[in-house]
PDB file of N, CA and C in Angstrom:
ATOM      1  N   MET A   1      16.866 185.212  52.163  1.00  0.00           N
ATOM      2  CA  MET A   1      15.963 184.561  53.213  1.00  0.00           C
ATOM      3  C   MET A   1      15.321 185.744  53.949  1.00  0.00           C
ATOM      4  N   THR A   2      14.178 185.752  54.201  1.00  0.00           N
ATOM      5  CA  THR A   2      13.450 186.647  54.971  1.00  0.00           C
ATOM      6  C   THR A   2      13.654 186.321  56.381  1.00  0.00           C
ATOM      7  N   VAL A   3      13.036 187.437  57.241  1.00  0.00           N
ATOM      8  CA  VAL A   3      13.082 187.220  58.739  1.00  0.00           C
ATOM      9  C   VAL A   3      12.104 185.884  59.191  1.00  0.00           C
ATOM     10  N   ALA A   4      11.152 185.784  58.317  1.00  0.00           N
ATOM     11  CA  ALA A   4      10.115 184.739  58.666  1.00  0.00           C
ATOM     12  C   ALA A   4      10.846 183.368  58.619  1.00  0.00           C
ATOM     13  N   TYR A   5      11.752 183.197  57.562  1.00  0.00           N
ATOM     14  CA  TYR A   5      12.510 181.869  57.476  1.00  0.00           C
ATOM     15  C   TYR A   5      13.317 181.601  58.587  1.00  0.00           C
ATOM     16  N   TRP A   6      14.195 182.655  59.009  1.00  0.00           N
ATOM     17  CA  TRP A   6      15.094 182.567  59.946  1.00  0.00           C
ATOM     18  C   TRP A   6      14.381 182.399  61.245  1.00  0.00           C
ATOM     19  N   LEU A   7      13.257 182.926  61.627  1.00  0.00           N
ATOM     20  CA  LEU A   7      12.455 183.078  62.932  1.00  0.00           C
ATOM     21  C   LEU A   7      11.923 181.534  62.995  1.00  0.00           C
ATOM     22  N   ALA A   8      11.230 181.140  61.918  1.00  0.00           N
ATOM     23  CA  ALA A   8      10.606 179.966  61.969  1.00  0.00           C
ATOM     24  C   ALA A   8      11.465 178.655  62.070  1.00  0.00           C
ATOM     25  N   TYR A   9      12.476 178.683  61.276  1.00  0.00           N
ATOM     26  CA  TYR A   9      13.397 177.638  61.369  1.00  0.00           C
ATOM     27  C   TYR A   9      14.308 177.536  62.775  1.00  0.00           C
ATOM     28  N   GLY A  10      14.616 178.614  63.148  1.00  0.00           N
ATOM     29  CA  GLY A  10      15.197 178.912  64.518  1.00  0.00           C
ATOM     30  C   GLY A  10      14.582 178.399  65.698  1.00  0.00           C
ATOM     31  N   LEU A  11      13.195 178.771  65.780  1.00  0.00           N
ATOM     32  CA  LEU A  11      12.290 178.277  66.677  1.00  0.00           C
ATOM     33  C   LEU A  11      12.221 176.672  66.796  1.00  0.00           C
ATOM     34  N   LEU A  12      11.860 176.074  65.384  1.00  0.00           N
ATOM     35  CA  LEU A  12      11.739 174.791  65.246  1.00  0.00           C
ATOM     36  C   LEU A  12      12.895 174.051  65.614  1.00  0.00           C
ATOM     37  N   GLY A  13      14.147 174.545  65.122  1.00  0.00           N
ATOM     38  CA  GLY A  13      15.434 173.903  65.477  1.00  0.00           C
ATOM     39  C   GLY A  13      15.784 174.082  67.055  1.00  0.00           C
ATOM     40  N   GLY A  14      15.392 174.987  67.753  1.00  0.00           N
ATOM     41  CA  GLY A  14      15.445 174.943  69.143  1.00  0.00           C
ATOM     42  C   GLY A  14      14.782 173.925  69.862  1.00  0.00           C
ATOM     43  N   GLY A  15      13.503 173.691  69.313  1.00  0.00           N
ATOM     44  CA  GLY A  15      12.325 172.974  69.844  1.00  0.00           C
ATOM     45  C   GLY A  15      13.040 171.262  69.640  1.00  0.00           C
ATOM     46  N   ALA A  16      13.613 171.321  68.627  1.00  0.00           N
ATOM     47  CA  ALA A  16      14.134 170.034  68.094  1.00  0.00           C
ATOM     48  C   ALA A  16      15.274 169.567  68.954  1.00  0.00           C
ATOM     49  N   LEU A  17      16.078 170.612  69.117  1.00  0.00           N
ATOM     50  CA  LEU A  17      17.206 170.295  70.042  1.00  0.00           C
ATOM     51  C   LEU A  17      16.762 170.015  71.626  1.00  0.00           C
ATOM     52  N   LEU A  18      15.863 170.515  72.097  1.00  0.00           N
ATOM     53  CA  LEU A  18      15.411 170.185  73.375  1.00  0.00           C
ATOM     54  C   LEU A  18      14.588 168.987  73.462  1.00  0.00           C
ATOM     55  N   ALA A  19      13.975 168.634  72.408  1.00  0.00           N
ATOM     56  CA  ALA A  19      13.505 167.191  72.151  1.00  0.00           C
ATOM     57  C   ALA A  19      14.413 166.084  72.244  1.00  0.00           C
ATOM     58  N   LEU A  20      15.448 166.407  71.328  1.00  0.00           N
ATOM     59  CA  LEU A  20      16.709 165.476  71.459  1.00  0.00           C
ATOM     60  C   LEU A  20      17.262 165.363  72.732  1.00  0.00           C
ATOM     61  N   ILE A  21      17.525 166.439  73.550  1.00  0.00           N
ATOM     62  CA  ILE A  21      17.915 166.314  74.821  1.00  0.00           C
ATOM     63  C   ILE A  21      17.016 165.453  75.752  1.00  0.00           C
ATOM     64  N   ARG A  22      15.707 165.733  75.600  1.00  0.00           N
ATOM     65  CA  ARG A  22      14.794 164.916  76.711  1.00  0.00           C
ATOM     66  C   ARG A  22      14.918 163.374  76.308  1.00  0.00           C
ATOM     67  N   LEU A  23      15.040 163.163  74.886  1.00  0.00           N
ATOM     68  CA  LEU A  23      15.150 161.790  74.538  1.00  0.00           C
ATOM     69  C   LEU A  23      16.411 160.954  74.919  1.00  0.00           C
ATOM     70  N   GLY A  24      17.446 161.785  74.893  1.00  0.00           N
ATOM     71  CA  GLY A  24      18.535 161.259  75.402  1.00  0.00           C
ATOM     72  C   GLY A  24      18.739 161.191  77.160  1.00  0.00           C
ATOM     73  N   LEU A  25      18.211 162.070  77.746  1.00  0.00           N
ATOM     74  CA  LEU A  25      18.280 162.149  79.146  1.00  0.00           C
ATOM     75  C   LEU A  25      17.151 161.473  79.891  1.00  0.00           C
ATOM     76  N   GLY A  26      15.987 161.287  79.142  1.00  0.00           N
ATOM     77  CA  GLY A  26      14.809 161.008  79.652  1.00  0.00           C
ATOM     78  C   GLY A  26      14.972 159.630  80.825  1.00  0.00           C
ATOM     79  N   PRO A  27      14.519 159.765  82.082  1.00  0.00           N
ATOM     80  CA  PRO A  27      14.748 158.805  82.840  1.00  0.00           C
ATOM     81  C   PRO A  27      13.751 157.518  82.729  1.00  0.00           C
ATOM     82  N   SER A  28      12.515 157.936  82.086  1.00  0.00           N
ATOM     83  CA  SER A  28      11.676 156.717  81.910  1.00  0.00           C
ATOM     84  C   SER A  28      11.205 156.528  80.386  1.00  0.00           C
ATOM     85  N   LEU A  29      10.592 155.567  80.202  1.00  0.00           N
ATOM     86  CA  LEU A  29      10.322 155.115  78.761  1.00  0.00           C
ATOM     87  C   LEU A  29       9.244 156.036  78.339  1.00  0.00           C
ATOM     88  N   LEU A  30       8.330 156.568  79.168  1.00  0.00           N
ATOM     89  CA  LEU A  30       7.363 157.421  78.877  1.00  0.00           C
ATOM     90  C   LEU A  30       7.977 158.837  78.452  1.00  0.00           C
ATOM     91  N   ASP A  31       8.986 159.262  78.998  1.00  0.00           N
ATOM     92  CA  ASP A  31       9.751 160.477  78.870  1.00  0.00           C
ATOM     93  C   ASP A  31      10.117 160.310  77.245  1.00  0.00           C
ATOM     94  N   ARG A  32      10.748 159.200  77.020  1.00  0.00           N
ATOM     95  CA  ARG A  32      11.542 159.013  75.577  1.00  0.00           C
ATOM     96  C   ARG A  32      10.477 158.898  74.711  1.00  0.00           C
ATOM     97  N   VAL A  33       9.168 158.517  74.863  1.00  0.00           N
ATOM     98  CA  VAL A  33       8.018 158.226  73.869  1.00  0.00           C
ATOM     99  C   VAL A  33       7.539 159.688  73.573  1.00  0.00           C
ATOM    100  N   VAL A  34       7.281 160.623  74.789  1.00  0.00           N
ATOM    101  CA  VAL A  34       6.956 161.707  74.409  1.00  0.00           C
ATOM    102  C   VAL A  34       7.831 162.639  73.692  1.00  0.00           C
ATOM    103  N   ALA A  35       9.106 162.544  73.873  1.00  0.00           N
ATOM    104  CA  ALA A  35      10.104 163.301  73.254  1.00  0.00           C
ATOM    105  C   ALA A  35      10.178 162.995  71.668  1.00  0.00           C
ATOM    106  N   THR A  36      10.029 161.814  71.592  1.00  0.00           N
ATOM    107  CA  THR A  36       9.711 161.242  70.114  1.00  0.00           C
ATOM    108  C   THR A  36       8.748 161.757  69.344  1.00  0.00           C
ATOM    109  N   ASP A  37       7.491 161.681  70.172  1.00  0.00           N
ATOM    110  CA  ASP A  37       6.380 162.195  69.441  1.00  0.00           C
ATOM    111  C   ASP A  37       6.401 163.767  69.192  1.00  0.00           C
ATOM    112  N   THR A  38       7.123 164.355  70.218  1.00  0.00           N
ATOM    113  CA  THR A  38       7.506 165.897  70.089  1.00  0.00           C
ATOM    114  C   THR A  38       8.378 166.204  68.884  1.00  0.00           C
ATOM    115  N   LEU A  39       9.380 165.299  68.644  1.00  0.00           N
ATOM    116  CA  LEU A  39      10.417 165.369  67.589  1.00  0.00           C
ATOM    117  C   LEU A  39       9.528 165.145  66.304  1.00  0.00           C
ATOM    118  N   LEU A  40       8.716 164.348  66.239  1.00  0.00           N
ATOM    119  CA  LEU A  40       8.003 164.026  64.988  1.00  0.00           C
ATOM    120  C   LEU A  40       6.940 165.092  64.585  1.00  0.00           C
ATOM    121  N   VAL A  41       6.393 165.793  65.700  1.00  0.00           N
ATOM    122  CA  VAL A  41       5.528 166.871  65.394  1.00  0.00           C
ATOM    123  C   VAL A  41       6.252 168.171  65.002  1.00  0.00           C
ATOM    124  N   ILE A  42       7.553 168.227  65.414  1.00  0.00           N
ATOM    125  CA  ILE A  42       8.364 169.320  64.960  1.00  0.00           C
ATOM    126  C   ILE A  42       8.871 169.075  63.458  1.00  0.00           C
ATOM    127  N   ILE A  43       9.155 167.845  63.292  1.00  0.00           N
ATOM    128  CA  ILE A  43       9.503 167.583  61.785  1.00  0.00           C
ATOM    129  C   ILE A  43       8.236 167.952  60.833  1.00  0.00           C
ATOM    130  N   ALA A  44       7.101 167.421  61.371  1.00  0.00           N
ATOM    131  CA  ALA A  44       5.808 167.894  60.580  1.00  0.00           C
ATOM    132  C   ALA A  44       5.745 169.334  60.489  1.00  0.00           C
ATOM    133  N   ALA A  45       5.962 170.073  61.580  1.00  0.00           N
ATOM    134  CA  ALA A  45       5.792 171.475  61.441  1.00  0.00           C
ATOM    135  C   ALA A  45       6.609 172.113  60.585  1.00  0.00           C
ATOM    136  N   GLY A  46       8.043 171.578  60.669  1.00  0.00           N
ATOM    137  CA  GLY A  46       8.999 172.048  59.682  1.00  0.00           C
ATOM    138  C   GLY A  46       8.755 171.908  58.178  1.00  0.00           C
ATOM    139  N   LEU A  47       8.150 170.853  58.001  1.00  0.00           N
ATOM    140  CA  LEU A  47       7.901 170.568  56.698  1.00  0.00           C
ATOM    141  C   LEU A  47       6.700 171.541  56.135  1.00  0.00           C
ATOM    142  N   ALA A  48       5.507 171.616  57.091  1.00  0.00           N
ATOM    143  CA  ALA A  48       4.461 172.567  56.831  1.00  0.00           C
ATOM    144  C   ALA A  48       4.957 173.966  56.572  1.00  0.00           C
ATOM    145  N   VAL A  49       6.118 174.414  57.311  1.00  0.00           N
ATOM    146  CA  VAL A  49       6.511 175.962  57.358  1.00  0.00           C
ATOM    147  C   VAL A  49       7.118 176.007  55.853  1.00  0.00           C
ATOM    148  N   HIS A  50       8.114 174.940  55.608  1.00  0.00           N
ATOM    149  CA  HIS A  50       8.714 175.124  54.360  1.00  0.00           C
ATOM    150  C   HIS A  50       7.641 174.960  53.139  1.00  0.00           C
ATOM    151  N   ALA A  51       6.700 173.977  53.367  1.00  0.00           N
ATOM    152  CA  ALA A  51       5.850 174.233  52.180  1.00  0.00           C
ATOM    153  C   ALA A  51       5.026 175.378  52.070  1.00  0.00           C
ATOM    154  N   GLY A  52       4.707 176.021  53.273  1.00  0.00           N
ATOM    155  CA  GLY A  52       3.952 177.256  53.155  1.00  0.00           C
ATOM    156  C   GLY A  52       4.805 178.432  52.439  1.00  0.00           C
ATOM    157  N   LEU A  53       5.876 178.532  53.048  1.00  0.00           N
ATOM    158  CA  LEU A  53       6.858 179.826  52.686  1.00  0.00           C
ATOM    159  C   LEU A  53       7.440 179.552  51.360  1.00  0.00           C
ATOM    160  N   ALA A  54       7.605 178.603  50.993  1.00  0.00           N
ATOM    161  CA  ALA A  54       8.221 178.151  49.465  1.00  0.00           C
ATOM    162  C   ALA A  54       7.072 177.821  48.649  1.00  0.00           C
ATOM    163  N   ARG A  55       5.814 177.893  49.056  1.00  0.00           N
ATOM    164  CA  ARG A  55       4.640 177.689  48.244  1.00  0.00           C
ATOM    165  C   ARG A  55       4.952 176.524  47.439  1.00  0.00           C
ATOM    166  N   ASP A  56       5.177 175.316  48.000  1.00  0.00           N
ATOM    167  CA  ASP A  56       5.460 174.080  47.388  1.00  0.00           C
ATOM    168  C   ASP A  56       4.476 173.120  47.938  1.00  0.00           C
ATOM    169  N   PRO A  57       3.564 172.768  47.064  1.00  0.00           N
ATOM    170  CA  PRO A  57       2.697 171.947  47.643  1.00  0.00           C
ATOM    171  C   PRO A  57       2.821 170.250  47.464  1.00  0.00           C
ATOM    172  N   THR A  58       4.141 170.004  46.897  1.00  0.00           N
ATOM    173  CA  THR A  58       4.488 168.612  46.916  1.00  0.00           C
ATOM    174  C   THR A  58       4.979 167.864  48.056  1.00  0.00           C
ATOM    175  N   LEU A  59       5.086 168.769  49.281  1.00  0.00           N
ATOM    176  CA  LEU A  59       5.390 168.035  50.335  1.00  0.00           C
ATOM    177  C   LEU A  59       4.169 167.833  51.466  1.00  0.00           C
ATOM    178  N   VAL A  60       3.078 168.102  50.676  1.00  0.00           N
ATOM    179  CA  VAL A  60       1.852 167.542  51.563  1.00  0.00           C
ATOM    180  C   VAL A  60       1.577 166.065  51.608  1.00  0.00           C
ATOM    181  N   PRO A  61       1.938 165.137  50.917  1.00  0.00           N
ATOM    182  CA  PRO A  61       1.857 163.650  51.193  1.00  0.00           C
ATOM    183  C   PRO A  61       2.842 163.309  52.135  1.00  0.00           C
ATOM    184  N   VAL A  62       4.021 164.011  51.909  1.00  0.00           N
ATOM    185  CA  VAL A  62       5.200 163.610  53.028  1.00  0.00           C
ATOM    186  C   VAL A  62       4.806 163.935  54.364  1.00  0.00           C
ATOM    187  N   LEU A  63       4.106 165.132  54.533  1.00  0.00           N
ATOM    188  CA  LEU A  63       3.605 165.707  55.754  1.00  0.00           C
ATOM    189  C   LEU A  63       2.445 164.742  56.311  1.00  0.00           C
ATOM    190  N   VAL A  64       1.656 164.301  55.339  1.00  0.00           N
ATOM    191  CA  VAL A  64       0.663 163.423  55.987  1.00  0.00           C
ATOM    192  C   VAL A  64       1.239 162.169  56.523  1.00  0.00           C
ATOM    193  N   VAL A  65       2.421 161.552  55.741  1.00  0.00           N
ATOM    194  CA  VAL A  65       2.866 160.278  56.245  1.00  0.00           C
ATOM    195  C   VAL A  65       3.571 160.459  57.565  1.00  0.00           C
ATOM    196  N   VAL A  66       4.187 161.763  57.709  1.00  0.00           N
ATOM    197  CA  VAL A  66       5.055 162.022  59.060  1.00  0.00           C
ATOM    198  C   VAL A  66       3.932 161.913  60.133  1.00  0.00           C
ATOM    199  N   SER A  67       2.722 162.561  60.007  1.00  0.00           N
ATOM    200  CA  SER A  67       1.711 162.910  60.971  1.00  0.00           C
ATOM    201  C   SER A  67       1.111 161.519  61.322  1.00  0.00           C
ATOM    202  N   LEU A  68       0.808 160.725  60.280  1.00  0.00           N
ATOM    203  CA  LEU A  68       0.188 159.321  60.613  1.00  0.00           C
ATOM    204  C   LEU A  68       1.270 158.536  61.416  1.00  0.00           C
ATOM    205  N   LEU A  69       2.393 158.550  61.002  1.00  0.00           N
ATOM    206  CA  LEU A  69       3.579 157.843  61.616  1.00  0.00           C
ATOM    207  C   LEU A  69       3.713 158.354  63.052  1.00  0.00           C
ATOM    208  N   ALA A  70       3.497 159.721  63.212  1.00  0.00           N
ATOM    209  CA  ALA A  70       3.493 159.992  64.798  1.00  0.00           C
ATOM    210  C   ALA A  70       2.368 159.492  65.543  1.00  0.00           C
ATOM    211  N   PHE A  71       1.261 159.649  64.945  1.00  0.00           N
ATOM    212  CA  PHE A  71      -0.063 159.059  65.768  1.00  0.00           C
ATOM    213  C   PHE A  71       0.033 157.604  66.022  1.00  0.00           C
ATOM    214  N   VAL A  72       0.341 156.970  64.984  1.00  0.00           N
ATOM    215  CA  VAL A  72       0.227 155.409  65.062  1.00  0.00           C
ATOM    216  C   VAL A  72       1.225 154.880  66.077  1.00  0.00           C
ATOM    217  N   GLY A  73       2.503 155.702  66.100  1.00  0.00           N
ATOM    218  CA  GLY A  73       3.467 155.375  66.983  1.00  0.00           C
ATOM    219  C   GLY A  73       3.210 155.469  68.516  1.00  0.00           C
ATOM    220  N   SER A  74       2.497 156.617  68.580  1.00  0.00           N
ATOM    221  CA  SER A  74       2.170 157.119  69.993  1.00  0.00           C
ATOM    222  C   SER A  74       1.109 156.091  70.513  1.00  0.00           C
ATOM    223  N   VAL A  75       0.133 155.835  69.769  1.00  0.00           N
ATOM    224  CA  VAL A  75      -0.879 154.983  70.112  1.00  0.00           C
ATOM    225  C   VAL A  75      -0.343 153.658  70.424  1.00  0.00           C
ATOM    226  N   SER A  76       0.434 153.127  69.603  1.00  0.00           N
ATOM    227  CA  SER A  76       1.060 151.743  69.861  1.00  0.00           C
ATOM    228  C   SER A  76       1.730 151.734  71.174  1.00  0.00           C
ATOM    229  N   VAL A  77       2.655 152.606  71.420  1.00  0.00           N
ATOM    230  CA  VAL A  77       3.447 152.760  72.548  1.00  0.00           C
ATOM    231  C   VAL A  77       2.392 152.715  73.875  1.00  0.00           C
ATOM    232  N   ALA A  78       1.475 153.713  73.630  1.00  0.00           N
ATOM    233  CA  ALA A  78       0.477 153.841  74.742  1.00  0.00           C
ATOM    234  C   ALA A  78      -0.159 152.458  75.146  1.00  0.00           C
ATOM    235  N   ARG A  79      -0.568 151.851  74.050  1.00  0.00           N
ATOM    236  CA  ARG A  79      -1.079 150.558  74.273  1.00  0.00           C
ATOM    237  C   ARG A  79      -0.321 149.500  74.837  1.00  0.00           C
ATOM    238  N   TYR A  80       0.816 149.393  74.413  1.00  0.00           N
ATOM    239  CA  TYR A  80       1.854 148.574  74.954  1.00  0.00           C
ATOM    240  C   TYR A  80       2.244 148.779  76.444  1.00  0.00           C
ATOM    241  N   ILE A  81       2.130 150.101  76.823  1.00  0.00           N
ATOM    242  CA  ILE A  81       2.719 150.366  78.204  1.00  0.00           C
ATOM    243  C   ILE A  81       1.356 150.158  79.269  1.00  0.00           C
ATOM    244  N   GLY A  82       0.186 150.526  78.591  1.00  0.00           N
ATOM    245  CA  GLY A  82      -1.020 150.084  79.302  1.00  0.00           C
ATOM    246  C   GLY A  82      -1.178 148.696  79.259  1.00  0.00           C
ATOM    247  N   GLY A  83      -0.809 147.770  78.631  1.00  0.00           N
ATOM    248  CA  GLY A  83      -0.911 146.310  78.681  1.00  0.00           C
ATOM    249  C   GLY A  83       0.228 145.962  79.793  1.00  0.00           C
ATOM    250  N   MET A  84       1.246 146.470  79.816  1.00  0.00           N
ATOM    251  CA  MET A  84       2.357 146.108  80.771  1.00  0.00           C
ATOM    252  C   MET A  84       1.770 146.541  82.134  1.00  0.00           C
ATOM    253  N   LEU A  85       1.103 147.598  82.367  1.00  0.00           N
ATOM    254  CA  LEU A  85       0.642 148.103  83.640  1.00  0.00           C
ATOM    255  C   LEU A  85      -0.449 147.004  84.311  1.00  0.00           C
ATOM    256  N   LEU A  86      -1.143 146.424  83.408  1.00  0.00           N
ATOM    257  CA  LEU A  86      -2.346 145.548  83.780  1.00  0.00           C
ATOM    258  C   LEU A  86      -1.849 144.058  83.984  1.00  0.00           C
ATOM    259  N   ARG A  87      -0.551 143.884  83.567  1.00  0.00           N
ATOM    260  CA  ARG A  87      -0.173 142.495  83.947  1.00  0.00           C
ATOM    261  C   ARG A  87       0.393 142.236  85.313  1.00  0.00           C
ATOM    262  N   SER A  88       0.195 141.281  85.813  1.00  0.00           N
ATOM    263  CA  SER A  88       0.922 140.890  87.357  1.00  0.00           C
ATOM    264  C   SER A  88       2.299 140.248  86.893  1.00  0.00           C
ATOM    265  N   GLY A  89       2.889 140.047  88.126  1.00  0.00           N
ATOM    266  CA  GLY A  89       4.151 139.340  87.931  1.00  0.00           C
ATOM    267  C   GLY A  89       4.122 137.966  88.019  1.00  0.00           C
ATOM    268  N   ASP A  90       2.919 137.460  88.264  1.00  0.00           N
ATOM    269  CA  ASP A  90       2.539 135.923  88.475  1.00  0.00           C
ATOM    270  C   ASP A  90       2.382 135.233  87.019  1.00  0.00           C
ATOM    271  N   GLY A  91       3.362 134.804  86.410  1.00  0.00           N
ATOM    272  CA  GLY A  91       3.235 134.145  85.045  1.00  0.00           C
ATOM    273  C   GLY A  91       2.577 135.083  84.032  1.00  0.00           C
ATOM    274  N   GLY A  92       2.527 136.201  83.995  1.00  0.00           N
ATOM    275  CA  GLY A  92       1.919 137.064  83.040  1.00  0.00           C
ATOM    276  C   GLY A  92       0.422 137.175  83.005  1.00  0.00           C
ATOM    277  N   GLN A  93      -0.144 136.777  83.900  1.00  0.00           N
ATOM    278  CA  GLN A  93      -1.575 136.618  83.874  1.00  0.00           C
ATOM    279  C   GLN A  93      -2.330 138.011  84.010  1.00  0.00           C
ATOM    280  N   ASP A  94      -3.267 138.411  83.431  1.00  0.00           N
ATOM    281  CA  ASP A  94      -3.756 139.657  83.330  1.00  0.00           C
ATOM    282  C   ASP A  94      -4.541 139.806  84.611  1.00  0.00           C
ATOM    283  N   VAL A  95      -4.441 140.892  85.239  1.00  0.00           N
ATOM    284  CA  VAL A  95      -4.890 141.190  86.575  1.00  0.00           C
ATOM    285  C   VAL A  95      -6.289 142.166  86.599  1.00  0.00           C
ATOM    286  N   GLY A  96      -6.739 142.439  85.364  1.00  0.00           N
ATOM    287  CA  GLY A  96      -7.925 143.176  85.157  1.00  0.00           C
ATOM    288  C   GLY A  96      -7.955 144.701  85.425  1.00  0.00           C
ATOM    289  N   LEU A  97      -8.972 145.043  85.670  1.00  0.00           N
ATOM    290  CA  LEU A  97      -9.095 146.515  86.130  1.00  0.00           C
ATOM    291  C   LEU A  97      -8.589 146.886  87.587  1.00  0.00           C
ATOM    292  N   PRO A  98      -8.301 148.017  87.929  1.00  0.00           N
ATOM    293  CA  PRO A  98      -8.018 148.350  89.274  1.00  0.00           C
ATOM    294  C   PRO A  98      -9.132 148.086  89.992  1.00  0.00           C
ATOM    295  N   GLN A  99      -9.012 147.920  91.275  1.00  0.00           N
ATOM    296  CA  GLN A  99     -10.073 147.788  92.273  1.00  0.00           C
ATOM    297  C   GLN A  99     -11.343 148.704  92.183  1.00  0.00           C
ATOM    298  N   ALA A 100     -11.000 149.908  92.177  1.00  0.00           N
ATOM    299  CA  ALA A 100     -11.803 150.923  92.292  1.00  0.00           C
ATOM    300  C   ALA A 100     -12.643 151.041  90.892  1.00  0.00           C
ATOM    301  N   ALA A 101     -12.132 150.717  89.745  1.00  0.00           N
ATOM    302  CA  ALA A 101     -13.046 150.459  88.521  1.00  0.00           C
ATOM    303  C   ALA A 101     -13.821 149.302  88.569  1.00  0.00           C
ATOM    304  N   GLU A 102     -13.414 148.062  89.187  1.00  0.00           N
ATOM    305  CA  GLU A 102     -14.202 147.075  89.355  1.00  0.00           C
ATOM    306  C   GLU A 102     -15.360 147.243  90.244  1.00  0.00           C
ATOM    307  N   GLU A 103     -15.163 148.083  91.301  1.00  0.00           N
ATOM    308  CA  GLU A 103     -16.383 148.433  92.159  1.00  0.00           C
ATOM    309  C   GLU A 103     -17.390 149.222  91.520  1.00  0.00           C
ATOM    310  N   ARG A 104     -16.833 150.370  90.843  1.00  0.00           N
ATOM    311  CA  ARG A 104     -17.656 151.195  89.900  1.00  0.00           C
ATOM    312  C   ARG A 104     -18.384 150.391  88.766  1.00  0.00           C
ATOM    313  N   ALA A 105     -17.779 149.440  88.213  1.00  0.00           N
ATOM    314  CA  ALA A 105     -18.344 148.476  87.091  1.00  0.00           C
ATOM    315  C   ALA A 105     -19.543 147.542  87.798  1.00  0.00           C
ATOM    316  N   GLY A 106     -19.333 147.282  89.239  1.00  0.00           N
ATOM    317  CA  GLY A 106     -20.343 146.484  89.785  1.00  0.00           C
ATOM    318  C   GLY A 106     -21.572 147.286  90.107  1.00  0.00           C
ATOM    319  N   GLN A 107     -21.312 148.449  90.616  1.00  0.00           N
ATOM    320  CA  GLN A 107     -22.263 149.270  90.876  1.00  0.00           C
ATOM    321  C   GLN A 107     -23.306 149.797  89.840  1.00  0.00           C
ATOM    322  N   VAL A 108     -22.485 149.907  88.386  1.00  0.00           N
ATOM    323  CA  VAL A 108     -23.243 150.200  87.458  1.00  0.00           C
ATOM    324  C   VAL A 108     -24.075 149.016  87.010  1.00  0.00           C
ATOM    325  N   GLY A 109     -23.574 147.834  87.131  1.00  0.00           N
ATOM    326  CA  GLY A 109     -24.318 146.591  86.776  1.00  0.00           C
ATOM    327  C   GLY A 109     -25.517 146.394  87.462  1.00  0.00           C
ATOM    328  N   GLU A 110     -25.507 146.764  88.904  1.00  0.00           N
ATOM    329  CA  GLU A 110     -26.494 146.592  89.821  1.00  0.00           C
ATOM    330  C   GLU A 110     -27.482 147.534  89.540  1.00  0.00           C
ATOM    331  N   ALA A 111     -27.212 148.667  89.161  1.00  0.00           N
ATOM    332  CA  ALA A 111     -28.306 149.748  88.864  1.00  0.00           C
ATOM    333  C   ALA A 111     -29.141 149.250  87.731  1.00  0.00           C
ATOM    334  N   ASP A 112     -28.705 148.508  86.717  1.00  0.00           N
ATOM    335  CA  ASP A 112     -29.418 148.261  85.696  1.00  0.00           C
ATOM    336  C   ASP A 112     -30.446 147.139  85.830  1.00  0.00           C
ATOM    337  N   ARG A 113     -30.304 146.476  87.017  1.00  0.00           N
ATOM    338  CA  ARG A 113     -31.217 145.233  87.193  1.00  0.00           C
ATOM    339  C   ARG A 113     -32.529 145.775  87.725  1.00  0.00           C
TER     340      ARG A 113
END
């Protein structure tokens, strides 16, 4: 193996270890989501490095699947958490936009008249 293999895989392994530590120690759900997303990006980068250094194009479909999994997972969790933040504690009723956004929307509506 060349120096490029050892350097690339060492850096990716170190990043994966740090992401796993953040995943385990993260005090909030968002910390864990970011750590999971980072870990999936590191896995995709590892696959890309292996495909590039070994000149193996058969890993490209797996790389696409891992990248799509990371993207869809991040968007899904962001939408879930965003929905949780907009709900009140009174029976799960949606409280809508924050007050400043409602005022801004009202000003825009008045300007159109």
